[in-house]
């Protein structure tokens, strides 16, 4: 009986190690659902519709500004040079997302799509949200 039990355990362990399972990076699922419909799966934007997130000065700039843009939408960029009336699409505010989800999403964007910038943590999002 013990041999049968051990054999079954070995088979299960072998089977699970052969099963392909890749955990998505934190923030990717939210990006796919919330951002990619307008900014594209490659984050290169859609000409005249929405800006690129790839190599974006705002994405790579100060975290607090990027957080404000996500919380308030494109209204946050009204005074930003190059953004006034350039795109047909207005980004909605995403203040309904929890701080941790926003931090994971923005960190994902800041470290993918030809971007390399420091991570954002939930506490930063909380601080910016409190100041709005």
C-alpha atoms as a PDB file:
ATOM      1  CA  UNK A   1       0.000   0.000   0.000  1.00  0.00           C
ATOM      2  CA  UNK A   2       2.812   2.408   0.921  1.00  0.00           C
ATOM      3  CA  UNK A   3       4.612   1.618  -2.356  1.00  0.00           C
ATOM      4  CA  UNK A   4       1.432   2.350  -4.307  1.00  0.00           C
ATOM      5  CA  UNK A   5       0.965   5.658  -2.463  1.00  0.00           C
ATOM      6  CA  UNK A   6       4.580   6.708  -3.044  1.00  0.00           C
ATOM      7  CA  UNK A   7       4.338   5.728  -6.710  1.00  0.00           C
ATOM      8  CA  UNK A   8       1.198   7.816  -7.111  1.00  0.00           C
ATOM      9  CA  UNK A   9       2.883  10.794  -5.451  1.00  0.00           C
ATOM     10  CA  UNK A  10       5.892  10.498  -7.761  1.00  0.00           C
ATOM     11  CA  UNK A  11       3.640  10.382 -10.812  1.00  0.00           C
ATOM     12  CA  UNK A  12       1.757  13.478  -9.654  1.00  0.00           C
ATOM     13  CA  UNK A  13       4.973  15.369  -8.928  1.00  0.00           C
ATOM     14  CA  UNK A  14       6.368  14.417 -12.329  1.00  0.00           C
ATOM     15  CA  UNK A  15       3.145  15.406 -14.074  1.00  0.00           C
ATOM     16  CA  UNK A  16       2.935  18.808 -12.383  1.00  0.00           C
ATOM     17  CA  UNK A  17       6.570  19.580 -13.163  1.00  0.00           C
ATOM     18  CA  UNK A  18       5.882  18.905 -16.838  1.00  0.00           C
ATOM     19  CA  UNK A  19       2.769  21.074 -16.899  1.00  0.00           C
ATOM     20  CA  UNK A  20       3.644  24.452 -18.363  1.00  0.00           C
ATOM     21  CA  UNK A  21       2.668  27.129 -15.878  1.00  0.00           C
ATOM     22  CA  UNK A  22       3.938  30.637 -16.195  1.00  0.00           C
ATOM     23  CA  UNK A  23       2.783  33.211 -13.755  1.00  0.00           C
ATOM     24  CA  UNK A  24       2.120  36.548 -15.416  1.00  0.00           C
ATOM     25  CA  UNK A  25       4.069  39.511 -14.105  1.00  0.00           C
ATOM     26  CA  UNK A  26       2.125  41.626 -11.632  1.00  0.00           C
ATOM     27  CA  UNK A  27       0.252  44.336 -13.477  1.00  0.00           C
ATOM     28  CA  UNK A  28       0.084  42.584 -16.857  1.00  0.00           C
ATOM     29  CA  UNK A  29      -3.486  41.383 -16.441  1.00  0.00           C
ATOM     30  CA  UNK A  30      -4.631  44.901 -15.520  1.00  0.00           C
ATOM     31  CA  UNK A  31      -2.649  46.353 -18.431  1.00  0.00           C
ATOM     32  CA  UNK A  32      -4.281  43.910 -20.842  1.00  0.00           C
ATOM     33  CA  UNK A  33      -7.752  44.760 -19.551  1.00  0.00           C
ATOM     34  CA  UNK A  34      -7.493  48.486 -18.832  1.00  0.00           C
ATOM     35  CA  UNK A  35      -4.696  49.961 -20.980  1.00  0.00           C
ATOM     36  CA  UNK A  36      -4.081  47.876 -24.097  1.00  0.00           C
ATOM     37  CA  UNK A  37      -7.484  48.522 -25.732  1.00  0.00           C
ATOM     38  CA  UNK A  38      -6.422  52.150 -26.298  1.00  0.00           C
ATOM     39  CA  UNK A  39      -2.624  52.131 -26.025  1.00  0.00           C
ATOM     40  CA  UNK A  40      -2.123  48.829 -27.890  1.00  0.00           C
ATOM     41  CA  UNK A  41      -0.764  45.478 -26.763  1.00  0.00           C
ATOM     42  CA  UNK A  42       2.729  46.778 -27.515  1.00  0.00           C
ATOM     43  CA  UNK A  43       2.011  50.107 -25.732  1.00  0.00           C
ATOM     44  CA  UNK A  44       3.027  52.030 -28.856  1.00  0.00           C
ATOM     45  CA  UNK A  45      -0.266  53.910 -28.938  1.00  0.00           C
ATOM     46  CA  UNK A  46      -2.618  54.510 -31.828  1.00  0.00           C
ATOM     47  CA  UNK A  47      -1.794  57.488 -34.064  1.00  0.00           C
ATOM     48  CA  UNK A  48      -4.145  60.447 -33.493  1.00  0.00           C
ATOM     49  CA  UNK A  49      -6.141  58.368 -30.991  1.00  0.00           C
ATOM     50  CA  UNK A  50      -3.956  57.670 -27.950  1.00  0.00           C
ATOM     51  CA  UNK A  51      -0.310  58.214 -27.012  1.00  0.00           C
ATOM     52  CA  UNK A  52       2.405  55.613 -26.742  1.00  0.00           C
ATOM     53  CA  UNK A  53       3.412  54.388 -23.306  1.00  0.00           C
ATOM     54  CA  UNK A  54       6.591  52.942 -24.775  1.00  0.00           C
ATOM     55  CA  UNK A  55       9.497  55.308 -24.068  1.00  0.00           C
ATOM     56  CA  UNK A  56       7.048  57.926 -22.815  1.00  0.00           C
ATOM     57  CA  UNK A  57       8.450  60.866 -20.850  1.00  0.00           C
ATOM     58  CA  UNK A  58       5.478  60.678 -18.508  1.00  0.00           C
ATOM     59  CA  UNK A  59       5.895  56.931 -17.909  1.00  0.00           C
ATOM     60  CA  UNK A  60       9.623  57.344 -17.312  1.00  0.00           C
ATOM     61  CA  UNK A  61       9.283  60.595 -15.358  1.00  0.00           C
ATOM     62  CA  UNK A  62       8.344  61.247 -11.736  1.00  0.00           C
ATOM     63  CA  UNK A  63       6.146  58.523 -10.268  1.00  0.00           C
ATOM     64  CA  UNK A  64       3.791  61.026  -8.650  1.00  0.00           C
ATOM     65  CA  UNK A  65       2.874  62.562 -11.996  1.00  0.00           C
ATOM     66  CA  UNK A  66       2.208  59.179 -13.596  1.00  0.00           C
ATOM     67  CA  UNK A  67       0.070  58.167 -10.608  1.00  0.00           C
ATOM     68  CA  UNK A  68      -1.939  61.405 -10.916  1.00  0.00           C
ATOM     69  CA  UNK A  69      -2.529  60.720 -14.617  1.00  0.00           C
ATOM     70  CA  UNK A  70      -3.899  57.267 -13.849  1.00  0.00           C
ATOM     71  CA  UNK A  71      -6.071  58.537 -10.988  1.00  0.00           C
ATOM     72  CA  UNK A  72      -7.415  61.633 -12.784  1.00  0.00           C
ATOM     73  CA  UNK A  73      -7.223  60.584 -16.431  1.00  0.00           C
ATOM     74  CA  UNK A  74      -5.955  62.702 -19.297  1.00  0.00           C
ATOM     75  CA  UNK A  75      -7.371  65.850 -17.654  1.00  0.00           C
ATOM     76  CA  UNK A  76      -4.143  65.786 -15.634  1.00  0.00           C
ATOM     77  CA  UNK A  77      -2.238  66.458 -18.887  1.00  0.00           C
ATOM     78  CA  UNK A  78      -4.185  69.490 -20.143  1.00  0.00           C
ATOM     79  CA  UNK A  79      -1.240  71.797 -19.561  1.00  0.00           C
ATOM     80  CA  UNK A  80       1.392  69.277 -20.694  1.00  0.00           C
ATOM     81  CA  UNK A  81       3.166  70.384 -23.900  1.00  0.00           C
ATOM     82  CA  UNK A  82       2.344  68.111 -26.814  1.00  0.00           C
ATOM     83  CA  UNK A  83      -0.793  66.606 -25.298  1.00  0.00           C
ATOM     84  CA  UNK A  84      -3.292  69.388 -25.836  1.00  0.00           C
ATOM     85  CA  UNK A  85      -5.809  68.280 -28.508  1.00  0.00           C
ATOM     86  CA  UNK A  86      -3.257  65.936 -30.075  1.00  0.00           C
ATOM     87  CA  UNK A  87      -5.276  62.793 -29.443  1.00  0.00           C
ATOM     88  CA  UNK A  88      -8.956  62.114 -30.120  1.00  0.00           C
ATOM     89  CA  UNK A  89      -9.268  59.804 -27.141  1.00  0.00           C
ATOM     90  CA  UNK A  90      -9.537  61.072 -23.582  1.00  0.00           C
ATOM     91  CA  UNK A  91      -8.262  58.686 -20.959  1.00  0.00           C
ATOM     92  CA  UNK A  92     -10.785  58.185 -18.164  1.00  0.00           C
ATOM     93  CA  UNK A  93      -9.821  58.374 -14.525  1.00  0.00           C
ATOM     94  CA  UNK A  94      -9.048  55.011 -12.942  1.00  0.00           C
ATOM     95  CA  UNK A  95      -9.377  56.066  -9.307  1.00  0.00           C
ATOM     96  CA  UNK A  96     -11.597  53.028  -8.747  1.00  0.00           C
ATOM     97  CA  UNK A  97      -8.529  50.751  -8.848  1.00  0.00           C
ATOM     98  CA  UNK A  98      -6.942  49.852  -5.519  1.00  0.00           C
ATOM     99  CA  UNK A  99      -3.540  51.313  -4.641  1.00  0.00           C
ATOM    100  CA  UNK A 100      -1.707  47.985  -4.927  1.00  0.00           C
ATOM    101  CA  UNK A 101      -3.239  47.288  -8.349  1.00  0.00           C
ATOM    102  CA  UNK A 102      -2.226  50.749  -9.581  1.00  0.00           C
ATOM    103  CA  UNK A 103       1.308  50.283  -8.238  1.00  0.00           C
ATOM    104  CA  UNK A 104       1.636  46.890  -9.935  1.00  0.00           C
ATOM    105  CA  UNK A 105       0.199  48.213 -13.207  1.00  0.00           C
ATOM    106  CA  UNK A 106       2.437  51.269 -13.363  1.00  0.00           C
ATOM    107  CA  UNK A 107       5.510  49.265 -12.351  1.00  0.00           C
ATOM    108  CA  UNK A 108       4.702  46.785 -15.128  1.00  0.00           C
ATOM    109  CA  UNK A 109       4.425  49.599 -17.685  1.00  0.00           C
ATOM    110  CA  UNK A 110       7.590  51.312 -16.382  1.00  0.00           C
ATOM    111  CA  UNK A 111       9.608  48.097 -16.830  1.00  0.00           C
ATOM    112  CA  UNK A 112       8.280  46.805 -20.141  1.00  0.00           C
ATOM    113  CA  UNK A 113       7.723  48.200 -23.631  1.00  0.00           C
ATOM    114  CA  UNK A 114      11.271  49.572 -23.919  1.00  0.00           C
ATOM    115  CA  UNK A 115      10.891  51.355 -20.564  1.00  0.00           C
ATOM    116  CA  UNK A 116      13.160  51.101 -17.561  1.00  0.00           C
ATOM    117  CA  UNK A 117      12.173  53.063 -14.466  1.00  0.00           C
ATOM    118  CA  UNK A 118      11.939  52.467 -10.713  1.00  0.00           C
ATOM    119  CA  UNK A 119       9.050  50.482  -9.292  1.00  0.00           C
ATOM    120  CA  UNK A 120       6.055  52.185  -7.735  1.00  0.00           C
ATOM    121  CA  UNK A 121       4.715  50.955  -4.413  1.00  0.00           C
ATOM    122  CA  UNK A 122       1.179  51.089  -3.068  1.00  0.00           C
ATOM    123  CA  UNK A 123       2.163  53.605  -0.380  1.00  0.00           C
ATOM    124  CA  UNK A 124       3.213  56.097  -3.082  1.00  0.00           C
ATOM    125  CA  UNK A 125      -0.170  55.725  -4.749  1.00  0.00           C
ATOM    126  CA  UNK A 126      -1.918  56.212  -1.422  1.00  0.00           C
ATOM    127  CA  UNK A 127       0.011  59.444  -0.739  1.00  0.00           C
ATOM    128  CA  UNK A 128      -0.756  60.893  -4.165  1.00  0.00           C
ATOM    129  CA  UNK A 129      -4.423  59.887  -3.888  1.00  0.00           C
ATOM    130  CA  UNK A 130      -4.708  61.633  -0.503  1.00  0.00           C
ATOM    131  CA  UNK A 131      -3.389  64.890  -2.000  1.00  0.00           C
ATOM    132  CA  UNK A 132      -5.944  64.971  -4.828  1.00  0.00           C
END
